[in-house]
Amino acid sequence: MCAQCHGSTGTGNGAFGATTYPPAASLVAHDAVKRSDSELYWIIKNGISLTGMPGFGGQTTDRDVWGLVWYVRQLQAGDAPAVRALVRAFLTTHGR
């Protein structure tokens, strides 16, 4: 879900991210890194008004939203193996 706009590395260079206004934010930039886990959770769940960031609370469980927070933190840490493992686990769990 994140990569479409934020890119596979979280830098904001996804295929749709460049077409939104404002452009998709970098998940690995200082502004995102300094946010608390609770702030990231709220943003993922509720979205940000007047931007291209939708809320995913109606499409995912709270547990999955927390998983996305963890995913963002792994992108920020540059832990590619952990990110790939999380994506594989998510796809397996959700039958994709």
N, C-alpha and C. Protein backbone atom coordinates (compact mmCIF):
# COMPACT_ATOMS: atom_id res chain seq x y z
N MET A 1 0.83 -1.20 0.00
CA MET A 1 0.00 0.00 0.00
C MET A 1 0.87 1.26 0.00
N CYS A 2 1.95 1.23 0.71
CA CYS A 2 2.79 2.42 0.85
C CYS A 2 3.60 2.71 -0.42
N ALA A 3 4.11 1.63 -1.03
CA ALA A 3 5.05 1.78 -2.14
C ALA A 3 4.44 2.48 -3.35
N GLN A 4 3.15 2.37 -3.55
CA GLN A 4 2.53 3.01 -4.72
C GLN A 4 2.79 4.51 -4.74
N CYS A 5 2.77 5.12 -3.58
CA CYS A 5 3.01 6.56 -3.51
C CYS A 5 4.40 6.90 -2.96
N HIS A 6 4.82 6.18 -1.92
CA HIS A 6 6.06 6.52 -1.23
C HIS A 6 7.28 5.80 -1.80
N GLY A 7 7.09 4.89 -2.73
CA GLY A 7 8.20 4.15 -3.33
C GLY A 7 8.62 2.97 -2.48
N SER A 8 9.32 2.04 -3.08
CA SER A 8 9.70 0.81 -2.38
C SER A 8 10.71 1.06 -1.26
N THR A 9 11.41 2.17 -1.33
CA THR A 9 12.37 2.50 -0.27
C THR A 9 11.85 3.58 0.67
N GLY A 10 10.63 4.06 0.42
CA GLY A 10 10.02 5.06 1.29
C GLY A 10 10.45 6.49 1.03
N THR A 11 11.14 6.75 -0.07
CA THR A 11 11.67 8.08 -0.32
C THR A 11 10.67 9.05 -0.96
N GLY A 12 9.46 8.57 -1.25
CA GLY A 12 8.43 9.43 -1.84
C GLY A 12 8.43 9.42 -3.35
N ASN A 13 9.13 8.45 -3.95
CA ASN A 13 9.26 8.43 -5.41
C ASN A 13 8.41 7.35 -6.07
N GLY A 14 7.29 6.99 -5.46
CA GLY A 14 6.42 5.98 -6.04
C GLY A 14 5.71 6.50 -7.28
N ALA A 15 5.15 5.59 -8.05
CA ALA A 15 4.52 5.94 -9.33
C ALA A 15 3.39 6.97 -9.16
N PHE A 16 2.61 6.86 -8.11
CA PHE A 16 1.50 7.79 -7.90
C PHE A 16 1.90 8.98 -7.04
N GLY A 17 2.94 8.83 -6.26
CA GLY A 17 3.35 9.89 -5.34
C GLY A 17 3.73 11.19 -6.00
N ALA A 18 4.32 11.10 -7.16
CA ALA A 18 4.74 12.30 -7.87
C ALA A 18 3.56 13.04 -8.48
N THR A 19 2.41 12.35 -8.64
CA THR A 19 1.25 12.97 -9.27
C THR A 19 0.29 13.59 -8.27
N THR A 20 0.55 13.43 -6.97
CA THR A 20 -0.34 14.00 -5.97
C THR A 20 0.12 15.40 -5.60
N TYR A 21 -0.81 16.18 -5.04
CA TYR A 21 -0.44 17.50 -4.55
C TYR A 21 -0.91 17.63 -3.11
N PRO A 22 -0.01 17.84 -2.22
CA PRO A 22 1.44 17.89 -2.42
C PRO A 22 1.98 16.50 -2.75
N PRO A 23 3.20 16.43 -3.28
CA PRO A 23 3.79 15.12 -3.59
C PRO A 23 3.89 14.25 -2.33
N ALA A 24 3.94 12.95 -2.52
CA ALA A 24 4.05 12.02 -1.39
C ALA A 24 5.31 12.33 -0.58
N ALA A 25 5.16 12.27 0.72
CA ALA A 25 6.28 12.56 1.62
C ALA A 25 7.28 11.41 1.64
N SER A 26 8.51 11.75 1.95
CA SER A 26 9.51 10.72 2.18
C SER A 26 9.30 10.17 3.58
N LEU A 27 9.18 8.86 3.67
CA LEU A 27 9.01 8.20 4.97
C LEU A 27 10.32 8.05 5.72
N VAL A 28 11.43 8.34 5.03
CA VAL A 28 12.75 8.18 5.64
C VAL A 28 13.40 9.53 5.94
N ALA A 29 12.72 10.63 5.63
CA ALA A 29 13.25 11.96 5.90
C ALA A 29 13.09 12.30 7.39
N HIS A 30 13.82 13.30 7.83
CA HIS A 30 13.82 13.70 9.23
C HIS A 30 12.41 13.96 9.77
N ASP A 31 11.55 14.62 8.97
CA ASP A 31 10.19 14.93 9.43
C ASP A 31 9.40 13.67 9.79
N ALA A 32 9.59 12.60 9.05
CA ALA A 32 8.89 11.35 9.35
C ALA A 32 9.56 10.59 10.49
N VAL A 33 10.88 10.61 10.52
CA VAL A 33 11.63 9.88 11.55
C VAL A 33 11.32 10.44 12.93
N LYS A 34 11.15 11.77 13.04
CA LYS A 34 10.94 12.39 14.35
C LYS A 34 9.52 12.18 14.89
N ARG A 35 8.61 11.73 14.07
CA ARG A 35 7.23 11.48 14.54
C ARG A 35 7.22 10.27 15.47
N SER A 36 6.34 10.32 16.44
CA SER A 36 6.20 9.17 17.35
C SER A 36 5.45 8.05 16.63
N ASP A 37 5.54 6.86 17.18
CA ASP A 37 4.79 5.73 16.62
C ASP A 37 3.29 6.03 16.63
N SER A 38 2.81 6.68 17.69
CA SER A 38 1.39 7.02 17.79
C SER A 38 0.97 7.99 16.69
N GLU A 39 1.84 8.96 16.37
CA GLU A 39 1.54 9.90 15.29
C GLU A 39 1.47 9.18 13.94
N LEU A 40 2.44 8.30 13.69
CA LEU A 40 2.42 7.53 12.44
C LEU A 40 1.16 6.67 12.36
N TYR A 41 0.80 6.04 13.47
CA TYR A 41 -0.41 5.22 13.52
C TYR A 41 -1.63 6.06 13.12
N TRP A 42 -1.76 7.23 13.74
CA TRP A 42 -2.92 8.08 13.48
C TRP A 42 -2.96 8.50 12.01
N ILE A 43 -1.82 8.87 11.45
CA ILE A 43 -1.76 9.29 10.05
C ILE A 43 -2.16 8.14 9.13
N ILE A 44 -1.62 6.96 9.37
CA ILE A 44 -1.94 5.80 8.53
C ILE A 44 -3.42 5.45 8.65
N LYS A 45 -3.94 5.50 9.85
CA LYS A 45 -5.34 5.12 10.07
C LYS A 45 -6.32 6.15 9.53
N ASN A 46 -6.02 7.45 9.73
CA ASN A 46 -6.98 8.50 9.42
C ASN A 46 -6.67 9.31 8.17
N GLY A 47 -5.43 9.26 7.70
CA GLY A 47 -5.04 10.07 6.55
C GLY A 47 -4.78 11.51 6.95
N ILE A 48 -4.46 12.33 5.97
CA ILE A 48 -4.21 13.74 6.20
C ILE A 48 -5.08 14.53 5.22
N SER A 49 -5.95 15.35 5.77
CA SER A 49 -6.87 16.14 4.95
C SER A 49 -6.12 17.04 3.98
N LEU A 50 -6.72 17.25 2.83
CA LEU A 50 -6.21 18.14 1.79
C LEU A 50 -4.86 17.72 1.23
N THR A 51 -4.55 16.42 1.33
CA THR A 51 -3.36 15.86 0.71
C THR A 51 -3.77 14.59 0.00
N GLY A 52 -2.83 13.92 -0.62
CA GLY A 52 -3.10 12.65 -1.26
C GLY A 52 -3.03 11.46 -0.30
N MET A 53 -2.78 11.72 0.99
CA MET A 53 -2.64 10.63 1.96
C MET A 53 -4.01 10.20 2.47
N PRO A 54 -4.49 9.03 1.99
CA PRO A 54 -5.79 8.54 2.46
C PRO A 54 -5.63 7.86 3.82
N GLY A 55 -6.74 7.69 4.50
CA GLY A 55 -6.75 6.90 5.72
C GLY A 55 -7.04 5.45 5.38
N PHE A 56 -6.33 4.53 6.04
CA PHE A 56 -6.53 3.11 5.77
C PHE A 56 -7.27 2.40 6.90
N GLY A 57 -7.79 3.16 7.87
CA GLY A 57 -8.48 2.58 9.01
C GLY A 57 -9.70 1.76 8.63
N GLY A 58 -10.40 2.16 7.57
CA GLY A 58 -11.58 1.42 7.14
C GLY A 58 -11.26 0.17 6.35
N GLN A 59 -10.00 0.02 5.94
CA GLN A 59 -9.60 -1.11 5.11
C GLN A 59 -8.74 -2.12 5.85
N THR A 60 -8.20 -1.74 6.99
CA THR A 60 -7.27 -2.60 7.71
C THR A 60 -7.63 -2.66 9.18
N THR A 61 -7.15 -3.67 9.85
CA THR A 61 -7.35 -3.79 11.29
C THR A 61 -6.34 -2.90 12.02
N ASP A 62 -6.61 -2.63 13.28
CA ASP A 62 -5.65 -1.86 14.08
C ASP A 62 -4.30 -2.57 14.12
N ARG A 63 -4.33 -3.88 14.19
CA ARG A 63 -3.08 -4.65 14.21
C ARG A 63 -2.29 -4.42 12.93
N ASP A 64 -2.97 -4.42 11.80
CA ASP A 64 -2.29 -4.18 10.53
C ASP A 64 -1.74 -2.75 10.45
N VAL A 65 -2.47 -1.78 11.00
CA VAL A 65 -1.97 -0.40 11.01
C VAL A 65 -0.68 -0.33 11.83
N TRP A 66 -0.66 -1.02 12.99
CA TRP A 66 0.58 -1.05 13.79
C TRP A 66 1.69 -1.75 13.02
N GLY A 67 1.34 -2.76 12.22
CA GLY A 67 2.32 -3.42 11.37
C GLY A 67 2.91 -2.46 10.34
N LEU A 68 2.08 -1.57 9.82
CA LEU A 68 2.56 -0.57 8.87
C LEU A 68 3.48 0.44 9.55
N VAL A 69 3.18 0.78 10.81
CA VAL A 69 4.08 1.65 11.56
C VAL A 69 5.44 0.96 11.68
N TRP A 70 5.44 -0.32 12.02
CA TRP A 70 6.69 -1.08 12.13
C TRP A 70 7.41 -1.10 10.78
N TYR A 71 6.65 -1.29 9.71
CA TYR A 71 7.20 -1.28 8.36
C TYR A 71 7.92 0.04 8.06
N VAL A 72 7.28 1.15 8.40
CA VAL A 72 7.90 2.47 8.19
C VAL A 72 9.19 2.57 9.00
N ARG A 73 9.17 2.10 10.24
CA ARG A 73 10.38 2.17 11.07
C ARG A 73 11.50 1.32 10.48
N GLN A 74 11.19 0.19 9.88
CA GLN A 74 12.21 -0.64 9.26
C GLN A 74 12.77 0.04 8.02
N LEU A 75 11.91 0.72 7.25
CA LEU A 75 12.40 1.50 6.10
C LEU A 75 13.37 2.57 6.58
N GLN A 76 13.01 3.24 7.67
CA GLN A 76 13.85 4.30 8.21
C GLN A 76 15.19 3.76 8.70
N ALA A 77 15.18 2.54 9.21
CA ALA A 77 16.42 1.92 9.70
C ALA A 77 17.26 1.33 8.57
N GLY A 78 16.69 1.30 7.36
CA GLY A 78 17.41 0.74 6.23
C GLY A 78 17.52 -0.78 6.30
N ASP A 79 16.57 -1.42 6.98
CA ASP A 79 16.60 -2.86 7.19
C ASP A 79 15.80 -3.58 6.10
N ALA A 80 16.37 -3.67 4.91
CA ALA A 80 15.69 -4.27 3.76
C ALA A 80 15.25 -5.72 4.01
N PRO A 81 16.07 -6.59 4.63
CA PRO A 81 15.61 -7.96 4.87
C PRO A 81 14.36 -8.01 5.75
N ALA A 82 14.31 -7.17 6.76
CA ALA A 82 13.13 -7.15 7.63
C ALA A 82 11.91 -6.67 6.87
N VAL A 83 12.08 -5.69 6.00
CA VAL A 83 10.97 -5.18 5.20
C VAL A 83 10.46 -6.27 4.27
N ARG A 84 11.35 -6.95 3.58
CA ARG A 84 10.92 -8.03 2.67
C ARG A 84 10.20 -9.13 3.44
N ALA A 85 10.69 -9.49 4.62
CA ALA A 85 10.04 -10.53 5.43
C ALA A 85 8.65 -10.09 5.86
N LEU A 86 8.50 -8.83 6.22
CA LEU A 86 7.19 -8.32 6.62
C LEU A 86 6.21 -8.36 5.46
N VAL A 87 6.66 -7.94 4.29
CA VAL A 87 5.79 -7.95 3.12
C VAL A 87 5.38 -9.38 2.78
N ARG A 88 6.33 -10.32 2.80
CA ARG A 88 5.99 -11.74 2.54
C ARG A 88 4.96 -12.25 3.54
N ALA A 89 5.16 -11.94 4.81
CA ALA A 89 4.23 -12.40 5.86
C ALA A 89 2.85 -11.80 5.65
N PHE A 90 2.79 -10.52 5.31
CA PHE A 90 1.51 -9.86 5.08
C PHE A 90 0.79 -10.50 3.91
N LEU A 91 1.51 -10.72 2.81
CA LEU A 91 0.88 -11.30 1.62
C LEU A 91 0.41 -12.72 1.88
N THR A 92 1.18 -13.48 2.65
CA THR A 92 0.79 -14.85 2.99
C THR A 92 -0.45 -14.84 3.87
N THR A 93 -0.47 -13.99 4.86
CA THR A 93 -1.59 -13.90 5.80
C THR A 93 -2.87 -13.45 5.11
N HIS A 94 -2.74 -12.59 4.13
CA HIS A 94 -3.91 -12.02 3.47
C HIS A 94 -4.22 -12.71 2.14
N GLY A 95 -3.60 -13.84 1.91
CA GLY A 95 -3.92 -14.67 0.74
C GLY A 95 -3.62 -14.02 -0.59
N ARG A 96 -2.51 -13.32 -0.66
CA ARG A 96 -2.14 -12.66 -1.93
C ARG A 96 -0.89 -13.25 -2.47
